[in-house]
PDB file of N, CA and C in Angstrom:
ATOM      1  N   UNK A   1       0.223 -12.631 -23.815  1.00  0.00           N
ATOM      2  CA  UNK A   1       0.588 -11.243 -24.236  1.00  0.00           C
ATOM      3  C   UNK A   1       1.285 -10.647 -23.665  1.00  0.00           C
ATOM      4  N   UNK A   2       2.371 -11.037 -22.762  1.00  0.00           N
ATOM      5  CA  UNK A   2       3.355 -10.174 -22.536  1.00  0.00           C
ATOM      6  C   UNK A   2       4.425 -10.702 -23.592  1.00  0.00           C
ATOM      7  N   UNK A   3       4.249 -11.688 -24.200  1.00  0.00           N
ATOM      8  CA  UNK A   3       5.597 -12.289 -25.071  1.00  0.00           C
ATOM      9  C   UNK A   3       4.998 -11.744 -26.667  1.00  0.00           C
ATOM     10  N   UNK A   4       4.107 -11.368 -26.555  1.00  0.00           N
ATOM     11  CA  UNK A   4       3.358 -10.551 -28.143  1.00  0.00           C
ATOM     12  C   UNK A   4       3.481  -9.336 -28.016  1.00  0.00           C
ATOM     13  N   UNK A   5       4.005  -8.695 -26.726  1.00  0.00           N
ATOM     14  CA  UNK A   5       3.805  -7.175 -26.634  1.00  0.00           C
ATOM     15  C   UNK A   5       2.721  -6.492 -26.732  1.00  0.00           C
ATOM     16  N   UNK A   6       1.905  -7.071 -26.514  1.00  0.00           N
ATOM     17  CA  UNK A   6       0.407  -6.217 -26.845  1.00  0.00           C
ATOM     18  C   UNK A   6      -0.805  -6.791 -25.849  1.00  0.00           C
ATOM     19  N   UNK A   7      -1.329  -6.018 -25.207  1.00  0.00           N
ATOM     20  CA  UNK A   7      -2.317  -6.433 -24.437  1.00  0.00           C
ATOM     21  C   UNK A   7      -3.656  -6.046 -24.863  1.00  0.00           C
ATOM     22  N   UNK A   8      -4.334  -7.420 -25.326  1.00  0.00           N
ATOM     23  CA  UNK A   8      -5.195  -7.560 -26.057  1.00  0.00           C
ATOM     24  C   UNK A   8      -6.778  -7.021 -25.035  1.00  0.00           C
ATOM     25  N   UNK A   9      -6.395  -7.597 -23.720  1.00  0.00           N
ATOM     26  CA  UNK A   9      -7.625  -6.931 -23.186  1.00  0.00           C
ATOM     27  C   UNK A   9      -7.811  -5.784 -22.633  1.00  0.00           C
ATOM     28  N   UNK A  10      -6.924  -5.104 -22.020  1.00  0.00           N
ATOM     29  CA  UNK A  10      -6.754  -3.849 -21.247  1.00  0.00           C
ATOM     30  C   UNK A  10      -5.961  -2.620 -22.097  1.00  0.00           C
ATOM     31  N   UNK A  11      -5.359  -3.073 -22.932  1.00  0.00           N
ATOM     32  CA  UNK A  11      -4.400  -1.911 -23.566  1.00  0.00           C
ATOM     33  C   UNK A  11      -3.499  -1.505 -22.768  1.00  0.00           C
ATOM     34  N   UNK A  12      -2.822  -2.402 -21.886  1.00  0.00           N
ATOM     35  CA  UNK A  12      -1.744  -2.146 -21.000  1.00  0.00           C
ATOM     36  C   UNK A  12      -0.320  -1.926 -21.963  1.00  0.00           C
ATOM     37  N   UNK A  13       0.386  -0.876 -21.607  1.00  0.00           N
ATOM     38  CA  UNK A  13       1.549  -0.669 -22.279  1.00  0.00           C
ATOM     39  C   UNK A  13       2.722  -1.881 -22.203  1.00  0.00           C
ATOM     40  N   UNK A  14       3.211  -2.325 -23.438  1.00  0.00           N
ATOM     41  CA  UNK A  14       4.092  -3.349 -23.561  1.00  0.00           C
ATOM     42  C   UNK A  14       5.447  -3.503 -22.317  1.00  0.00           C
ATOM     43  N   UNK A  15       5.954  -2.036 -22.116  1.00  0.00           N
ATOM     44  CA  UNK A  15       6.853  -1.649 -21.448  1.00  0.00           C
ATOM     45  C   UNK A  15       6.542  -1.983 -20.052  1.00  0.00           C
ATOM     46  N   UNK A  16       5.320  -2.300 -19.528  1.00  0.00           N
ATOM     47  CA  UNK A  16       4.830  -2.681 -18.305  1.00  0.00           C
ATOM     48  C   UNK A  16       4.502  -4.051 -18.210  1.00  0.00           C
ATOM     49  N   UNK A  17       4.661  -4.924 -19.274  1.00  0.00           N
ATOM     50  CA  UNK A  17       4.153  -6.446 -18.980  1.00  0.00           C
ATOM     51  C   UNK A  17       5.288  -7.100 -18.965  1.00  0.00           C
ATOM     52  N   UNK A  18       5.310  -8.303 -18.052  1.00  0.00           N
ATOM     53  CA  UNK A  18       6.466  -9.447 -17.901  1.00  0.00           C
ATOM     54  C   UNK A  18       5.434 -10.595 -18.045  1.00  0.00           C
ATOM     55  N   UNK A  19       6.121 -11.740 -18.558  1.00  0.00           N
ATOM     56  CA  UNK A  19       5.624 -12.733 -18.350  1.00  0.00           C
ATOM     57  C   UNK A  19       5.965 -13.673 -17.285  1.00  0.00           C
ATOM     58  N   UNK A  20       4.856 -14.244 -16.940  1.00  0.00           N
ATOM     59  CA  UNK A  20       5.086 -14.950 -15.530  1.00  0.00           C
ATOM     60  C   UNK A  20       5.178 -16.557 -15.978  1.00  0.00           C
ATOM     61  N   UNK A  21       6.284 -17.223 -16.122  1.00  0.00           N
ATOM     62  CA  UNK A  21       6.196 -18.537 -16.428  1.00  0.00           C
ATOM     63  C   UNK A  21       6.637 -19.629 -15.496  1.00  0.00           C
ATOM     64  N   UNK A  22       7.426 -19.227 -14.307  1.00  0.00           N
ATOM     65  CA  UNK A  22       7.662 -20.294 -13.491  1.00  0.00           C
ATOM     66  C   UNK A  22       6.946 -20.595 -12.242  1.00  0.00           C
ATOM     67  N   UNK A  23       6.810 -21.544 -11.920  1.00  0.00           N
ATOM     68  CA  UNK A  23       5.913 -21.997 -10.704  1.00  0.00           C
ATOM     69  C   UNK A  23       6.794 -22.192  -9.777  1.00  0.00           C
ATOM     70  N   UNK A  24       6.210 -21.840  -8.488  1.00  0.00           N
ATOM     71  CA  UNK A  24       5.100 -21.859  -7.653  1.00  0.00           C
ATOM     72  C   UNK A  24       4.202 -20.495  -8.146  1.00  0.00           C
ATOM     73  N   UNK A  25       2.831 -20.514  -8.568  1.00  0.00           N
ATOM     74  CA  UNK A  25       2.122 -19.125  -8.535  1.00  0.00           C
ATOM     75  C   UNK A  25       0.941 -19.138  -7.541  1.00  0.00           C
ATOM     76  N   UNK A  26       0.914 -18.056  -6.914  1.00  0.00           N
ATOM     77  CA  UNK A  26       0.164 -17.794  -5.837  1.00  0.00           C
ATOM     78  C   UNK A  26      -0.911 -16.726  -6.241  1.00  0.00           C
ATOM     79  N   UNK A  27      -2.109 -16.701  -5.269  1.00  0.00           N
ATOM     80  CA  UNK A  27      -3.251 -15.764  -5.814  1.00  0.00           C
ATOM     81  C   UNK A  27      -3.641 -15.267  -4.305  1.00  0.00           C
ATOM     82  N   UNK A  28      -4.268 -14.144  -4.475  1.00  0.00           N
ATOM     83  CA  UNK A  28      -4.765 -13.484  -2.982  1.00  0.00           C
ATOM     84  C   UNK A  28      -6.388 -13.082  -3.454  1.00  0.00           C
ATOM     85  N   UNK A  29      -7.194 -13.323  -2.425  1.00  0.00           N
ATOM     86  CA  UNK A  29      -8.449 -12.359  -2.357  1.00  0.00           C
ATOM     87  C   UNK A  29      -8.145 -10.962  -2.112  1.00  0.00           C
ATOM     88  N   UNK A  30      -9.078 -10.070  -3.078  1.00  0.00           N
ATOM     89  CA  UNK A  30      -8.631  -8.686  -2.984  1.00  0.00           C
ATOM     90  C   UNK A  30      -9.988  -8.365  -2.186  1.00  0.00           C
ATOM     91  N   UNK A  31      -9.474  -7.576  -1.118  1.00  0.00           N
ATOM     92  CA  UNK A  31     -10.677  -6.716  -0.358  1.00  0.00           C
ATOM     93  C   UNK A  31     -10.523  -5.424  -0.431  1.00  0.00           C
ATOM     94  N   UNK A  32     -11.355  -4.706   0.327  1.00  0.00           N
ATOM     95  CA  UNK A  32     -11.734  -3.043   0.354  1.00  0.00           C
ATOM     96  C   UNK A  32     -10.254  -2.545   0.144  1.00  0.00           C
ATOM     97  N   UNK A  33      -9.118  -2.922   1.099  1.00  0.00           N
ATOM     98  CA  UNK A  33      -8.106  -2.131   1.514  1.00  0.00           C
ATOM     99  C   UNK A  33      -6.886  -2.774   0.619  1.00  0.00           C
ATOM    100  N   UNK A  34      -7.219  -3.691  -0.255  1.00  0.00           N
ATOM    101  CA  UNK A  34      -6.058  -4.333  -1.097  1.00  0.00           C
ATOM    102  C   UNK A  34      -5.748  -3.222  -2.174  1.00  0.00           C
ATOM    103  N   UNK A  35      -6.565  -2.358  -2.763  1.00  0.00           N
ATOM    104  CA  UNK A  35      -6.511  -1.582  -3.847  1.00  0.00           C
ATOM    105  C   UNK A  35      -6.387  -0.047  -3.162  1.00  0.00           C
ATOM    106  N   UNK A  36      -4.848   0.279  -2.838  1.00  0.00           N
ATOM    107  CA  UNK A  36      -4.909   1.489  -2.472  1.00  0.00           C
ATOM    108  C   UNK A  36      -4.713   3.051  -3.522  1.00  0.00           C
ATOM    109  N   UNK A  37      -4.658   2.611  -4.728  1.00  0.00           N
ATOM    110  CA  UNK A  37      -4.845   3.544  -5.821  1.00  0.00           C
ATOM    111  C   UNK A  37      -5.007   2.817  -7.011  1.00  0.00           C
ATOM    112  N   UNK A  38      -5.549   3.776  -7.993  1.00  0.00           N
ATOM    113  CA  UNK A  38      -5.755   3.141  -9.379  1.00  0.00           C
ATOM    114  C   UNK A  38      -4.150   3.204  -9.943  1.00  0.00           C
ATOM    115  N   UNK A  39      -3.892   2.073 -10.535  1.00  0.00           N
ATOM    116  CA  UNK A  39      -2.861   2.014 -11.197  1.00  0.00           C
ATOM    117  C   UNK A  39      -2.728   2.330 -12.417  1.00  0.00           C
ATOM    118  N   UNK A  40      -3.782   2.042 -12.773  1.00  0.00           N
ATOM    119  CA  UNK A  40      -4.018   2.721 -14.396  1.00  0.00           C
ATOM    120  C   UNK A  40      -4.536   3.890 -14.665  1.00  0.00           C
ATOM    121  N   UNK A  41      -5.460   4.299 -15.517  1.00  0.00           N
ATOM    122  CA  UNK A  41      -5.488   5.718 -15.963  1.00  0.00           C
ATOM    123  C   UNK A  41      -5.196   6.149 -17.070  1.00  0.00           C
ATOM    124  N   UNK A  42      -5.454   7.408 -17.264  1.00  0.00           N
ATOM    125  CA  UNK A  42      -4.841   8.029 -18.587  1.00  0.00           C
ATOM    126  C   UNK A  42      -3.020   8.543 -18.382  1.00  0.00           C
ATOM    127  N   UNK A  43      -2.690   8.012 -19.571  1.00  0.00           N
ATOM    128  CA  UNK A  43      -1.487   8.440 -19.411  1.00  0.00           C
ATOM    129  C   UNK A  43      -1.043  10.040 -19.851  1.00  0.00           C
ATOM    130  N   UNK A  44      -0.141  10.598 -19.198  1.00  0.00           N
ATOM    131  CA  UNK A  44       0.162  12.002 -19.111  1.00  0.00           C
ATOM    132  C   UNK A  44       1.519  12.362 -19.640  1.00  0.00           C
ATOM    133  N   UNK A  45       1.945  13.751 -19.564  1.00  0.00           N
ATOM    134  CA  UNK A  45       3.223  14.120 -19.583  1.00  0.00           C
ATOM    135  C   UNK A  45       3.296  14.849 -18.252  1.00  0.00           C
ATOM    136  N   UNK A  46       4.356  15.708 -17.981  1.00  0.00           N
ATOM    137  CA  UNK A  46       4.752  16.395 -16.779  1.00  0.00           C
ATOM    138  C   UNK A  46       3.919  17.785 -16.940  1.00  0.00           C
ATOM    139  N   UNK A  47       3.134  17.843 -17.776  1.00  0.00           N
ATOM    140  CA  UNK A  47       2.284  19.123 -18.220  1.00  0.00           C
ATOM    141  C   UNK A  47       0.893  18.764 -17.793  1.00  0.00           C
ATOM    142  N   UNK A  48       0.563  17.276 -17.343  1.00  0.00           N
ATOM    143  CA  UNK A  48      -0.611  16.891 -17.126  1.00  0.00           C
ATOM    144  C   UNK A  48      -1.424  16.761 -18.603  1.00  0.00           C
ATOM    145  N   UNK A  49      -1.027  17.019 -19.677  1.00  0.00           N
ATOM    146  CA  UNK A  49      -1.619  16.627 -20.682  1.00  0.00           C
ATOM    147  C   UNK A  49      -1.850  15.350 -21.247  1.00  0.00           C
ATOM    148  N   UNK A  50      -2.852  14.771 -21.487  1.00  0.00           N
ATOM    149  CA  UNK A  50      -3.178  13.410 -22.165  1.00  0.00           C
ATOM    150  C   UNK A  50      -3.084  13.126 -23.428  1.00  0.00           C
ATOM    151  N   UNK A  51      -2.676  12.043 -23.884  1.00  0.00           N
ATOM    152  CA  UNK A  51      -2.306  11.837 -25.172  1.00  0.00           C
ATOM    153  C   UNK A  51      -3.544  10.449 -26.128  1.00  0.00           C
ATOM    154  N   UNK A  52      -3.910  10.708 -27.033  1.00  0.00           N
ATOM    155  CA  UNK A  52      -4.756   9.516 -27.989  1.00  0.00           C
ATOM    156  C   UNK A  52      -3.851   8.513 -28.023  1.00  0.00           C
ATOM    157  N   UNK A  53      -4.336   7.371 -28.083  1.00  0.00           N
ATOM    158  CA  UNK A  53      -4.341   5.724 -28.087  1.00  0.00           C
ATOM    159  C   UNK A  53      -3.210   5.783 -29.156  1.00  0.00           C
ATOM    160  N   UNK A  54      -2.174   4.698 -29.222  1.00  0.00           N
ATOM    161  CA  UNK A  54      -1.507   4.295 -30.526  1.00  0.00           C
ATOM    162  C   UNK A  54      -2.646   3.409 -31.097  1.00  0.00           C
ATOM    163  N   UNK A  55      -2.706   3.208 -32.500  1.00  0.00           N
ATOM    164  CA  UNK A  55      -3.292   2.246 -33.054  1.00  0.00           C
ATOM    165  C   UNK A  55      -3.181   2.312 -34.438  1.00  0.00           C
ATOM    166  N   UNK A  56      -3.448   1.336 -35.323  1.00  0.00           N
ATOM    167  CA  UNK A  56      -2.627   1.239 -36.890  1.00  0.00           C
ATOM    168  C   UNK A  56      -3.050   2.252 -37.481  1.00  0.00           C
ATOM    169  N   UNK A  57      -4.100   2.799 -37.467  1.00  0.00           N
ATOM    170  CA  UNK A  57      -4.572   4.365 -38.287  1.00  0.00           C
ATOM    171  C   UNK A  57      -3.924   5.842 -37.517  1.00  0.00           C
ATOM    172  N   UNK A  58      -3.341   5.273 -36.455  1.00  0.00           N
ATOM    173  CA  UNK A  58      -2.805   6.698 -35.560  1.00  0.00           C
ATOM    174  C   UNK A  58      -1.700   6.075 -34.911  1.00  0.00           C
ATOM    175  N   UNK A  59      -0.423   5.997 -35.675  1.00  0.00           N
ATOM    176  CA  UNK A  59       0.688   5.299 -34.800  1.00  0.00           C
ATOM    177  C   UNK A  59       1.634   6.401 -34.029  1.00  0.00           C
ATOM    178  N   UNK A  60       1.172   7.378 -34.299  1.00  0.00           N
ATOM    179  CA  UNK A  60       1.903   8.666 -33.026  1.00  0.00           C
ATOM    180  C   UNK A  60       0.608   8.959 -32.426  1.00  0.00           C
ATOM    181  N   UNK A  61       1.564   8.921 -31.041  1.00  0.00           N
ATOM    182  CA  UNK A  61       0.224   9.785 -30.160  1.00  0.00           C
ATOM    183  C   UNK A  61       0.480  10.975 -30.178  1.00  0.00           C
ATOM    184  N   UNK A  62      -0.907  11.735 -29.817  1.00  0.00           N
ATOM    185  CA  UNK A  62      -0.813  13.258 -30.085  1.00  0.00           C
ATOM    186  C   UNK A  62      -1.668  13.990 -28.632  1.00  0.00           C
ATOM    187  N   UNK A  63      -1.017  14.812 -28.307  1.00  0.00           N
ATOM    188  CA  UNK A  63      -1.849  15.485 -27.078  1.00  0.00           C
ATOM    189  C   UNK A  63      -3.282  15.671 -27.604  1.00  0.00           C
ATOM    190  N   UNK A  64      -4.224  15.458 -26.559  1.00  0.00           N
ATOM    191  CA  UNK A  64      -5.507  15.694 -26.524  1.00  0.00           C
ATOM    192  C   UNK A  64      -6.186  17.005 -26.322  1.00  0.00           C
ATOM    193  N   UNK A  65      -6.021  18.297 -27.137  1.00  0.00           N
ATOM    194  CA  UNK A  65      -6.087  19.506 -26.495  1.00  0.00           C
ATOM    195  C   UNK A  65      -7.404  19.824 -25.399  1.00  0.00           C
ATOM    196  N   UNK A  66      -6.933  20.534 -24.426  1.00  0.00           N
ATOM    197  CA  UNK A  66      -7.747  20.354 -23.168  1.00  0.00           C
ATOM    198  C   UNK A  66      -8.356  19.679 -22.113  1.00  0.00           C
ATOM    199  N   UNK A  67      -7.678  18.375 -22.444  1.00  0.00           N
ATOM    200  CA  UNK A  67      -7.750  17.419 -21.553  1.00  0.00           C
ATOM    201  C   UNK A  67      -6.655  17.384 -20.513  1.00  0.00           C
ATOM    202  N   UNK A  68      -6.490  17.514 -19.447  1.00  0.00           N
ATOM    203  CA  UNK A  68      -5.875  17.421 -18.434  1.00  0.00           C
ATOM    204  C   UNK A  68      -5.835  16.455 -17.505  1.00  0.00           C
ATOM    205  N   UNK A  69      -4.965  15.868 -16.542  1.00  0.00           N
ATOM    206  CA  UNK A  69      -5.518  14.628 -15.736  1.00  0.00           C
ATOM    207  C   UNK A  69      -4.431  14.735 -14.477  1.00  0.00           C
ATOM    208  N   UNK A  70      -5.054  14.710 -13.033  1.00  0.00           N
ATOM    209  CA  UNK A  70      -4.379  14.658 -11.860  1.00  0.00           C
ATOM    210  C   UNK A  70      -4.389  13.715 -10.996  1.00  0.00           C
ATOM    211  N   UNK A  71      -3.858  13.611 -10.077  1.00  0.00           N
ATOM    212  CA  UNK A  71      -4.350  12.307  -9.141  1.00  0.00           C
ATOM    213  C   UNK A  71      -4.676  11.076  -9.321  1.00  0.00           C
ATOM    214  N   UNK A  72      -5.234  10.304  -8.814  1.00  0.00           N
ATOM    215  CA  UNK A  72      -5.259   8.839  -8.952  1.00  0.00           C
ATOM    216  C   UNK A  72      -5.540   8.415 -10.477  1.00  0.00           C
ATOM    217  N   UNK A  73      -6.067   9.125 -11.237  1.00  0.00           N
ATOM    218  CA  UNK A  73      -6.531   8.853 -12.431  1.00  0.00           C
ATOM    219  C   UNK A  73      -5.457   8.864 -13.524  1.00  0.00           C
ATOM    220  N   UNK A  74      -4.158   9.520 -12.971  1.00  0.00           N
ATOM    221  CA  UNK A  74      -2.949   9.783 -13.725  1.00  0.00           C
ATOM    222  C   UNK A  74      -2.408   8.195 -14.035  1.00  0.00           C
ATOM    223  N   UNK A  75      -2.437   7.706 -15.458  1.00  0.00           N
ATOM    224  CA  UNK A  75      -1.900   6.434 -15.661  1.00  0.00           C
ATOM    225  C   UNK A  75      -0.234   6.155 -15.562  1.00  0.00           C
ATOM    226  N   UNK A  76       0.049   5.427 -15.191  1.00  0.00           N
ATOM    227  CA  UNK A  76       1.754   4.710 -15.090  1.00  0.00           C
ATOM    228  C   UNK A  76       2.396   5.682 -14.121  1.00  0.00           C
ATOM    229  N   UNK A  77       2.006   6.482 -13.338  1.00  0.00           N
ATOM    230  CA  UNK A  77       2.690   6.990 -12.262  1.00  0.00           C
ATOM    231  C   UNK A  77       3.684   6.033 -11.282  1.00  0.00           C
ATOM    232  N   UNK A  78       3.387   4.732 -11.068  1.00  0.00           N
ATOM    233  CA  UNK A  78       3.932   4.136 -10.138  1.00  0.00           C
ATOM    234  C   UNK A  78       4.672   2.792 -11.193  1.00  0.00           C
ATOM    235  N   UNK A  79       4.737   2.752 -12.318  1.00  0.00           N
ATOM    236  CA  UNK A  79       5.132   1.793 -13.366  1.00  0.00           C
ATOM    237  C   UNK A  79       4.640   0.538 -12.800  1.00  0.00           C
ATOM    238  N   UNK A  80       5.186  -0.418 -12.313  1.00  0.00           N
ATOM    239  CA  UNK A  80       4.537  -1.731 -12.113  1.00  0.00           C
ATOM    240  C   UNK A  80       4.097  -1.771 -10.518  1.00  0.00           C
ATOM    241  N   UNK A  81       4.307  -0.935  -9.536  1.00  0.00           N
ATOM    242  CA  UNK A  81       4.513  -1.451  -8.292  1.00  0.00           C
ATOM    243  C   UNK A  81       4.300   0.021  -7.527  1.00  0.00           C
ATOM    244  N   UNK A  82       3.135  -0.122  -6.784  1.00  0.00           N
ATOM    245  CA  UNK A  82       3.101   0.946  -5.856  1.00  0.00           C
ATOM    246  C   UNK A  82       3.692   1.027  -4.641  1.00  0.00           C
ATOM    247  N   UNK A  83       4.864   2.162  -4.220  1.00  0.00           N
ATOM    248  CA  UNK A  83       5.611   2.259  -3.272  1.00  0.00           C
ATOM    249  C   UNK A  83       4.789   2.253  -1.987  1.00  0.00           C
ATOM    250  N   UNK A  84       4.600   1.371  -1.368  1.00  0.00           N
ATOM    251  CA  UNK A  84       4.046   1.464   0.217  1.00  0.00           C
ATOM    252  C   UNK A  84       4.572   2.004   1.416  1.00  0.00           C
ATOM    253  N   UNK A  85       5.974   2.030   0.857  1.00  0.00           N
ATOM    254  CA  UNK A  85       6.648   2.407   2.189  1.00  0.00           C
ATOM    255  C   UNK A  85       7.101   3.968   2.021  1.00  0.00           C
ATOM    256  N   UNK A  86       6.326   4.865   1.262  1.00  0.00           N
ATOM    257  CA  UNK A  86       6.272   6.279   1.209  1.00  0.00           C
ATOM    258  C   UNK A  86       5.018   6.780   1.569  1.00  0.00           C
ATOM    259  N   UNK A  87       4.630   7.196   2.717  1.00  0.00           N
ATOM    260  CA  UNK A  87       3.363   7.491   2.950  1.00  0.00           C
ATOM    261  C   UNK A  87       3.240   8.761   2.591  1.00  0.00           C
ATOM    262  N   UNK A  88       1.834   9.075   2.124  1.00  0.00           N
ATOM    263  CA  UNK A  88       1.498  10.448   1.609  1.00  0.00           C
ATOM    264  C   UNK A  88       1.786  10.648   0.012  1.00  0.00           C
ATOM    265  N   UNK A  89       2.296   9.605  -0.636  1.00  0.00           N
ATOM    266  CA  UNK A  89       2.994   9.981  -1.848  1.00  0.00           C
ATOM    267  C   UNK A  89       1.846  10.209  -2.611  1.00  0.00           C
ATOM    268  N   UNK A  90       0.531   9.195  -2.583  1.00  0.00           N
ATOM    269  CA  UNK A  90      -0.432   9.645  -3.813  1.00  0.00           C
ATOM    270  C   UNK A  90      -1.023  10.779  -3.115  1.00  0.00           C
ATOM    271  N   UNK A  91      -1.055  11.323  -2.110  1.00  0.00           N
ATOM    272  CA  UNK A  91      -1.856  12.526  -1.885  1.00  0.00           C
ATOM    273  C   UNK A  91      -1.063  13.682  -2.242  1.00  0.00           C
ATOM    274  N   UNK A  92       0.264  13.740  -2.050  1.00  0.00           N
ATOM    275  CA  UNK A  92       1.043  14.717  -2.482  1.00  0.00           C
ATOM    276  C   UNK A  92       1.270  14.856  -4.144  1.00  0.00           C
ATOM    277  N   UNK A  93       1.334  13.728  -4.976  1.00  0.00           N
ATOM    278  CA  UNK A  93       1.250  13.812  -6.202  1.00  0.00           C
ATOM    279  C   UNK A  93      -0.184  14.363  -6.682  1.00  0.00           C
ATOM    280  N   UNK A  94      -1.050  14.138  -5.799  1.00  0.00           N
ATOM    281  CA  UNK A  94      -2.569  14.615  -6.393  1.00  0.00           C
ATOM    282  C   UNK A  94      -2.518  16.244  -5.975  1.00  0.00           C
ATOM    283  N   UNK A  95      -1.952  16.690  -5.004  1.00  0.00           N
ATOM    284  CA  UNK A  95      -1.998  18.076  -4.523  1.00  0.00           C
ATOM    285  C   UNK A  95      -1.112  18.841  -5.969  1.00  0.00           C
ATOM    286  N   UNK A  96       0.239  18.008  -6.037  1.00  0.00           N
ATOM    287  CA  UNK A  96       0.984  18.855  -7.038  1.00  0.00           C
ATOM    288  C   UNK A  96       0.628  18.878  -8.144  1.00  0.00           C
ATOM    289  N   UNK A  97       0.237  17.927  -8.897  1.00  0.00           N
ATOM    290  CA  UNK A  97      -0.498  17.674 -10.063  1.00  0.00           C
ATOM    291  C   UNK A  97      -1.761  18.612 -10.418  1.00  0.00           C
ATOM    292  N   UNK A  98      -2.459  18.562  -9.240  1.00  0.00           N
ATOM    293  CA  UNK A  98      -3.829  19.326  -9.192  1.00  0.00           C
ATOM    294  C   UNK A  98      -3.213  20.537  -9.620  1.00  0.00           C
ATOM    295  N   UNK A  99      -2.459  21.179  -8.988  1.00  0.00           N
ATOM    296  CA  UNK A  99      -1.862  22.773  -9.218  1.00  0.00           C
ATOM    297  C   UNK A  99      -1.194  22.921 -10.708  1.00  0.00           C
ATOM    298  N   UNK A 100      -0.408  21.734 -10.824  1.00  0.00           N
ATOM    299  CA  UNK A 100       0.084  21.935 -12.399  1.00  0.00           C
ATOM    300  C   UNK A 100      -1.093  21.730 -13.428  1.00  0.00           C
ATOM    301  N   UNK A 101      -2.078  20.572 -13.368  1.00  0.00           N
ATOM    302  CA  UNK A 101      -2.986  20.678 -14.422  1.00  0.00           C
ATOM    303  C   UNK A 101      -4.020  22.130 -14.533  1.00  0.00           C
ATOM    304  N   UNK A 102      -4.369  22.512 -13.406  1.00  0.00           N
ATOM    305  CA  UNK A 102      -4.967  23.845 -13.152  1.00  0.00           C
ATOM    306  C   UNK A 102      -4.454  24.745 -13.890  1.00  0.00           C
ATOM    307  N   UNK A 103      -3.113  25.038 -13.573  1.00  0.00           N
ATOM    308  CA  UNK A 103      -2.194  25.967 -13.922  1.00  0.00           C
ATOM    309  C   UNK A 103      -2.132  25.990 -15.179  1.00  0.00           C
ATOM    310  N   UNK A 104      -1.558  24.867 -15.828  1.00  0.00           N
ATOM    311  CA  UNK A 104      -1.547  24.641 -17.498  1.00  0.00           C
ATOM    312  C   UNK A 104      -2.898  24.897 -18.322  1.00  0.00           C
ATOM    313  N   UNK A 105      -3.703  24.307 -17.444  1.00  0.00           N
ATOM    314  CA  UNK A 105      -5.159  24.711 -18.435  1.00  0.00           C
ATOM    315  C   UNK A 105      -5.574  26.121 -18.464  1.00  0.00           C
ATOM    316  N   UNK A 106      -5.104  26.889 -17.336  1.00  0.00           N
ATOM    317  CA  UNK A 106      -5.584  28.029 -17.278  1.00  0.00           C
ATOM    318  C   UNK A 106      -4.856  29.017 -18.459  1.00  0.00           C
ATOM    319  N   UNK A 107      -3.416  28.226 -18.479  1.00  0.00           N
ATOM    320  CA  UNK A 107      -2.574  29.088 -19.416  1.00  0.00           C
ATOM    321  C   UNK A 107      -2.746  28.571 -20.874  1.00  0.00           C
ATOM    322  N   UNK A 108      -3.445  27.152 -21.096  1.00  0.00           N
ATOM    323  CA  UNK A 108      -3.309  26.814 -22.624  1.00  0.00           C
ATOM    324  C   UNK A 108      -2.181  26.183 -22.995  1.00  0.00           C
ATOM    325  N   UNK A 109      -1.332  25.427 -22.089  1.00  0.00           N
ATOM    326  CA  UNK A 109      -0.162  24.676 -22.062  1.00  0.00           C
ATOM    327  C   UNK A 109      -0.457  23.454 -23.115  1.00  0.00           C
TER     328      UNK A 109
END
């Protein structure tokens, strides 16, 4: 799917996909502490607005009026890796973007 540039299973953005081709390959069992934050979610801009999906009928993404997102459900906040060396980053982004989403929603941005 990375080579094709389209994630048929989950709709992941092509710019976030990388082919894994050379061995050795490793795997790990995920426990409750392995997933610290939601890496996926709704993509948004700096105003916390969300967008329509891109498909053949709608090649241009449009802002979805009245739908804002903040916190751990904001997609693509961390690109391809969560920065575990920065303590509190998830909480601080939740606080800031929660404020920004509420302010922009109230102002109709």
